[in-house]
């Protein structure tokens, strides 16, 4: 029995869509279940203190 390209395309697309949904749901569940044990990687509070010593305008200095 010959299947047309359109039939094969829709069948494969449904498998890929199902796999995508399954992996996406797994990612959401894993994101809620997994805890971040490394709290030292947050550098957002240290950002502005690290750029205080940068010069603003190089052309104005002689």
PDB file of N, CA and C in Angstrom:
ATOM      1  N   UNK A   1       0.838  -1.179   0.000  1.00  0.00           N
ATOM      2  CA  UNK A   1       0.000   0.000   0.000  1.00  0.00           C
ATOM      3  C   UNK A   1       0.890   1.252   0.000  1.00  0.00           C
ATOM      4  N   UNK A   2       0.680   2.107  -0.945  1.00  0.00           N
ATOM      5  CA  UNK A   2       1.489   3.310  -1.060  1.00  0.00           C
ATOM      6  C   UNK A   2       0.841   4.445  -0.275  1.00  0.00           C
ATOM      7  N   UNK A   3       1.682   5.114   0.481  1.00  0.00           N
ATOM      8  CA  UNK A   3       1.187   6.289   1.204  1.00  0.00           C
ATOM      9  C   UNK A   3       1.716   7.525   0.517  1.00  0.00           C
ATOM     10  N   UNK A   4       0.919   8.520   0.497  1.00  0.00           N
ATOM     11  CA  UNK A   4       1.326   9.749  -0.158  1.00  0.00           C
ATOM     12  C   UNK A   4       2.238  10.553   0.757  1.00  0.00           C
ATOM     13  N   UNK A   5       2.876  11.521   0.174  1.00  0.00           N
ATOM     14  CA  UNK A   5       3.781  12.376   0.941  1.00  0.00           C
ATOM     15  C   UNK A   5       3.011  13.132   2.018  1.00  0.00           C
ATOM     16  N   UNK A   6       1.823  13.573   1.698  1.00  0.00           N
ATOM     17  CA  UNK A   6       1.016  14.333   2.646  1.00  0.00           C
ATOM     18  C   UNK A   6       0.668  13.491   3.870  1.00  0.00           C
ATOM     19  N   UNK A   7       0.324  12.240   3.664  1.00  0.00           N
ATOM     20  CA  UNK A   7      -0.017  11.350   4.769  1.00  0.00           C
ATOM     21  C   UNK A   7       1.212  11.079   5.638  1.00  0.00           C
ATOM     22  N   UNK A   8       2.340  10.819   4.991  1.00  0.00           N
ATOM     23  CA  UNK A   8       3.574  10.595   5.751  1.00  0.00           C
ATOM     24  C   UNK A   8       3.977  11.836   6.535  1.00  0.00           C
ATOM     25  N   UNK A   9       3.836  12.987   5.916  1.00  0.00           N
ATOM     26  CA  UNK A   9       4.197  14.242   6.566  1.00  0.00           C
ATOM     27  C   UNK A   9       3.370  14.466   7.822  1.00  0.00           C
ATOM     28  N   UNK A  10       2.052  14.282   7.734  1.00  0.00           N
ATOM     29  CA  UNK A  10       1.196  14.515   8.894  1.00  0.00           C
ATOM     30  C   UNK A  10       1.448  13.480   9.990  1.00  0.00           C
ATOM     31  N   UNK A  11       1.730  12.253   9.615  1.00  0.00           N
ATOM     32  CA  UNK A  11       2.004  11.232  10.623  1.00  0.00           C
ATOM     33  C   UNK A  11       3.303  11.535  11.366  1.00  0.00           C
ATOM     34  N   UNK A  12       4.351  11.916  10.644  1.00  0.00           N
ATOM     35  CA  UNK A  12       5.624  12.253  11.274  1.00  0.00           C
ATOM     36  C   UNK A  12       5.497  13.532  12.098  1.00  0.00           C
ATOM     37  N   UNK A  13       4.744  14.501  11.599  1.00  0.00           N
ATOM     38  CA  UNK A  13       4.555  15.748  12.346  1.00  0.00           C
ATOM     39  C   UNK A  13       3.847  15.508  13.664  1.00  0.00           C
ATOM     40  N   UNK A  14       2.884  14.607  13.662  1.00  0.00           N
ATOM     41  CA  UNK A  14       2.176  14.305  14.915  1.00  0.00           C
ATOM     42  C   UNK A  14       3.126  13.663  15.924  1.00  0.00           C
ATOM     43  N   UNK A  15       4.016  12.788  15.472  1.00  0.00           N
ATOM     44  CA  UNK A  15       4.985  12.178  16.382  1.00  0.00           C
ATOM     45  C   UNK A  15       5.940  13.230  16.957  1.00  0.00           C
ATOM     46  N   UNK A  16       6.427  14.127  16.103  1.00  0.00           N
ATOM     47  CA  UNK A  16       7.328  15.167  16.583  1.00  0.00           C
ATOM     48  C   UNK A  16       6.612  16.138  17.525  1.00  0.00           C
ATOM     49  N   UNK A  17       5.376  16.488  17.226  1.00  0.00           N
ATOM     50  CA  UNK A  17       4.619  17.378  18.103  1.00  0.00           C
ATOM     51  C   UNK A  17       4.373  16.709  19.457  1.00  0.00           C
ATOM     52  N   UNK A  18       4.053  15.431  19.443  1.00  0.00           N
ATOM     53  CA  UNK A  18       3.847  14.709  20.694  1.00  0.00           C
ATOM     54  C   UNK A  18       5.127  14.631  21.510  1.00  0.00           C
ATOM     55  N   UNK A  19       6.234  14.380  20.846  1.00  0.00           N
ATOM     56  CA  UNK A  19       7.519  14.331  21.534  1.00  0.00           C
ATOM     57  C   UNK A  19       7.873  15.699  22.118  1.00  0.00           C
ATOM     58  N   UNK A  20       7.613  16.765  21.368  1.00  0.00           N
ATOM     59  CA  UNK A  20       7.877  18.110  21.854  1.00  0.00           C
ATOM     60  C   UNK A  20       7.059  18.421  23.095  1.00  0.00           C
ATOM     61  N   UNK A  21       5.779  18.105  23.065  1.00  0.00           N
ATOM     62  CA  UNK A  21       4.909  18.360  24.218  1.00  0.00           C
ATOM     63  C   UNK A  21       5.380  17.553  25.427  1.00  0.00           C
ATOM     64  N   UNK A  22       5.741  16.296  25.210  1.00  0.00           N
ATOM     65  CA  UNK A  22       6.215  15.452  26.292  1.00  0.00           C
ATOM     66  C   UNK A  22       7.492  16.010  26.921  1.00  0.00           C
ATOM     67  N   UNK A  23       8.451  16.405  26.101  1.00  0.00           N
ATOM     68  CA  UNK A  23       9.684  16.969  26.630  1.00  0.00           C
ATOM     69  C   UNK A  23       9.464  18.326  27.296  1.00  0.00           C
ATOM     70  N   UNK A  24       8.545  19.116  26.774  1.00  0.00           N
ATOM     71  CA  UNK A  24       8.248  20.413  27.370  1.00  0.00           C
ATOM     72  C   UNK A  24       7.613  20.249  28.745  1.00  0.00           C
ATOM     73  N   UNK A  25       6.686  19.312  28.858  1.00  0.00           N
ATOM     74  CA  UNK A  25       6.062  19.046  30.157  1.00  0.00           C
ATOM     75  C   UNK A  25       7.097  18.526  31.146  1.00  0.00           C
ATOM     76  N   UNK A  26       7.986  17.651  30.684  1.00  0.00           N
ATOM     77  CA  UNK A  26       9.052  17.154  31.545  1.00  0.00           C
ATOM     78  C   UNK A  26       9.942  18.290  32.011  1.00  0.00           C
ATOM     79  N   UNK A  27      10.244  19.243  31.144  1.00  0.00           N
ATOM     80  CA  UNK A  27      11.072  20.380  31.515  1.00  0.00           C
ATOM     81  C   UNK A  27      10.383  21.255  32.540  1.00  0.00           C
ATOM     82  N   UNK A  28       9.088  21.493  32.391  1.00  0.00           N
ATOM     83  CA  UNK A  28       8.351  22.283  33.371  1.00  0.00           C
ATOM     84  C   UNK A  28       8.327  21.603  34.732  1.00  0.00           C
ATOM     85  N   UNK A  29       8.061  20.308  34.731  1.00  0.00           N
ATOM     86  CA  UNK A  29       8.036  19.568  35.995  1.00  0.00           C
ATOM     87  C   UNK A  29       9.417  19.579  36.635  1.00  0.00           C
ATOM     88  N   UNK A  30      10.453  19.364  35.859  1.00  0.00           N
ATOM     89  CA  UNK A  30      11.815  19.362  36.391  1.00  0.00           C
ATOM     90  C   UNK A  30      12.190  20.733  36.943  1.00  0.00           C
ATOM     91  N   UNK A  31      11.735  21.790  36.309  1.00  0.00           N
ATOM     92  CA  UNK A  31      12.024  23.135  36.791  1.00  0.00           C
ATOM     93  C   UNK A  31      11.395  23.431  38.131  1.00  0.00           C
ATOM     94  N   UNK A  32      10.233  22.881  38.395  1.00  0.00           N
ATOM     95  CA  UNK A  32       9.590  23.088  39.684  1.00  0.00           C
ATOM     96  C   UNK A  32      10.148  22.168  40.760  1.00  0.00           C
ATOM     97  N   UNK A  33      10.577  20.980  40.389  1.00  0.00           N
ATOM     98  CA  UNK A  33      11.047  20.008  41.368  1.00  0.00           C
ATOM     99  C   UNK A  33      12.499  20.253  41.763  1.00  0.00           C
ATOM    100  N   UNK A  34      13.347  20.546  40.792  1.00  0.00           N
ATOM    101  CA  UNK A  34      14.774  20.716  41.053  1.00  0.00           C
ATOM    102  C   UNK A  34      15.011  21.999  41.827  1.00  0.00           C
ATOM    103  N   UNK A  35      15.892  21.934  42.792  1.00  0.00           N
ATOM    104  CA  UNK A  35      16.235  23.119  43.575  1.00  0.00           C
ATOM    105  C   UNK A  35      17.630  23.570  43.208  1.00  0.00           C
ATOM    106  N   UNK A  36      17.865  24.845  43.343  1.00  0.00           N
ATOM    107  CA  UNK A  36      19.172  25.405  43.048  1.00  0.00           C
ATOM    108  C   UNK A  36      20.029  25.342  44.302  1.00  0.00           C
ATOM    109  N   UNK A  37      21.012  24.480  44.291  1.00  0.00           N
ATOM    110  CA  UNK A  37      21.873  24.333  45.463  1.00  0.00           C
ATOM    111  C   UNK A  37      23.028  25.307  45.439  1.00  0.00           C
ATOM    112  N   UNK A  38      23.338  25.869  44.293  1.00  0.00           N
ATOM    113  CA  UNK A  38      24.442  26.805  44.169  1.00  0.00           C
ATOM    114  C   UNK A  38      23.890  28.220  44.176  1.00  0.00           C
ATOM    115  N   UNK A  39      23.886  28.871  45.326  1.00  0.00           N
ATOM    116  CA  UNK A  39      23.343  30.228  45.417  1.00  0.00           C
ATOM    117  C   UNK A  39      24.417  31.282  45.215  1.00  0.00           C
ATOM    118  N   UNK A  40      25.662  30.897  45.044  1.00  0.00           N
ATOM    119  CA  UNK A  40      26.740  31.856  44.869  1.00  0.00           C
ATOM    120  C   UNK A  40      26.889  32.361  43.449  1.00  0.00           C
ATOM    121  N   UNK A  41      26.074  31.941  42.529  1.00  0.00           N
ATOM    122  CA  UNK A  41      26.225  32.350  41.140  1.00  0.00           C
ATOM    123  C   UNK A  41      25.399  33.579  40.781  1.00  0.00           C
ATOM    124  N   UNK A  42      24.818  34.237  41.764  1.00  0.00           N
ATOM    125  CA  UNK A  42      23.999  35.413  41.490  1.00  0.00           C
ATOM    126  C   UNK A  42      24.874  36.656  41.600  1.00  0.00           C
ATOM    127  N   UNK A  43      25.204  37.255  40.457  1.00  0.00           N
ATOM    128  CA  UNK A  43      26.075  38.413  40.435  1.00  0.00           C
ATOM    129  C   UNK A  43      25.313  39.699  40.147  1.00  0.00           C
ATOM    130  N   UNK A  44      23.995  39.683  40.216  1.00  0.00           N
ATOM    131  CA  UNK A  44      23.227  40.870  39.865  1.00  0.00           C
ATOM    132  C   UNK A  44      23.425  41.985  40.889  1.00  0.00           C
ATOM    133  N   UNK A  45      23.639  41.682  42.155  1.00  0.00           N
ATOM    134  CA  UNK A  45      23.843  42.725  43.146  1.00  0.00           C
ATOM    135  C   UNK A  45      25.248  43.327  43.054  1.00  0.00           C
ATOM    136  N   UNK A  46      26.161  42.624  42.443  1.00  0.00           N
ATOM    137  CA  UNK A  46      27.537  43.071  42.343  1.00  0.00           C
ATOM    138  C   UNK A  46      27.823  43.791  41.026  1.00  0.00           C
ATOM    139  N   UNK A  47      26.824  43.936  40.165  1.00  0.00           N
ATOM    140  CA  UNK A  47      27.046  44.482  38.822  1.00  0.00           C
ATOM    141  C   UNK A  47      27.437  45.950  38.874  1.00  0.00           C
ATOM    142  N   UNK A  48      26.654  46.777  39.585  1.00  0.00           N
ATOM    143  CA  UNK A  48      26.894  48.213  39.567  1.00  0.00           C
ATOM    144  C   UNK A  48      28.149  48.589  40.341  1.00  0.00           C
ATOM    145  N   UNK A  49      28.495  47.820  41.339  1.00  0.00           N
ATOM    146  CA  UNK A  49      29.732  48.133  42.059  1.00  0.00           C
ATOM    147  C   UNK A  49      30.957  47.793  41.222  1.00  0.00           C
ATOM    148  N   UNK A  50      30.821  46.889  40.268  1.00  0.00           N
ATOM    149  CA  UNK A  50      31.961  46.527  39.438  1.00  0.00           C
ATOM    150  C   UNK A  50      32.185  47.502  38.286  1.00  0.00           C
ATOM    151  N   UNK A  51      31.195  48.330  37.930  1.00  0.00           N
ATOM    152  CA  UNK A  51      31.378  49.264  36.819  1.00  0.00           C
ATOM    153  C   UNK A  51      31.571  50.703  37.301  1.00  0.00           C
ATOM    154  N   UNK A  52      31.767  50.904  38.600  1.00  0.00           N
ATOM    155  CA  UNK A  52      31.969  52.259  39.104  1.00  0.00           C
ATOM    156  C   UNK A  52      33.267  52.881  38.613  1.00  0.00           C
ATOM    157  N   UNK A  53      34.299  52.078  38.440  1.00  0.00           N
ATOM    158  CA  UNK A  53      35.604  52.634  38.094  1.00  0.00           C
ATOM    159  C   UNK A  53      35.816  52.784  36.586  1.00  0.00           C
ATOM    160  N   UNK A  54      34.805  52.573  35.778  1.00  0.00           N
ATOM    161  CA  UNK A  54      34.942  52.753  34.336  1.00  0.00           C
ATOM    162  C   UNK A  54      34.860  54.231  33.971  1.00  0.00           C
ATOM    163  N   UNK A  55      35.641  54.624  32.993  1.00  0.00           N
ATOM    164  CA  UNK A  55      35.589  56.010  32.547  1.00  0.00           C
ATOM    165  C   UNK A  55      34.406  56.211  31.619  1.00  0.00           C
ATOM    166  N   UNK A  56      33.818  57.389  31.680  1.00  0.00           N
ATOM    167  CA  UNK A  56      32.641  57.662  30.869  1.00  0.00           C
ATOM    168  C   UNK A  56      32.999  58.244  29.502  1.00  0.00           C
ATOM    169  N   UNK A  57      33.979  59.149  29.447  1.00  0.00           N
ATOM    170  CA  UNK A  57      34.297  59.813  28.198  1.00  0.00           C
ATOM    171  C   UNK A  57      35.804  59.881  28.044  1.00  0.00           C
ATOM    172  N   UNK A  58      36.342  59.132  27.103  1.00  0.00           N
ATOM    173  CA  UNK A  58      37.787  59.099  26.906  1.00  0.00           C
ATOM    174  C   UNK A  58      38.283  60.365  26.190  1.00  0.00           C
ATOM    175  N   UNK A  59      37.467  61.003  25.385  1.00  0.00           N
ATOM    176  CA  UNK A  59      37.918  62.148  24.601  1.00  0.00           C
ATOM    177  C   UNK A  59      38.123  63.395  25.454  1.00  0.00           C
ATOM    178  N   UNK A  60      37.486  63.502  26.582  1.00  0.00           N
ATOM    179  CA  UNK A  60      37.607  64.716  27.384  1.00  0.00           C
ATOM    180  C   UNK A  60      38.898  64.770  28.184  1.00  0.00           C
ATOM    181  N   UNK A  61      39.577  63.625  28.376  1.00  0.00           N
ATOM    182  CA  UNK A  61      40.831  63.624  29.121  1.00  0.00           C
ATOM    183  C   UNK A  61      41.992  64.015  28.208  1.00  0.00           C
ATOM    184  N   UNK A  62      42.959  64.769  28.759  1.00  0.00           N
ATOM    185  CA  UNK A  62      44.096  65.218  27.967  1.00  0.00           C
ATOM    186  C   UNK A  62      45.358  64.558  28.430  1.00  0.00           C
TER     187      UNK A  62
END
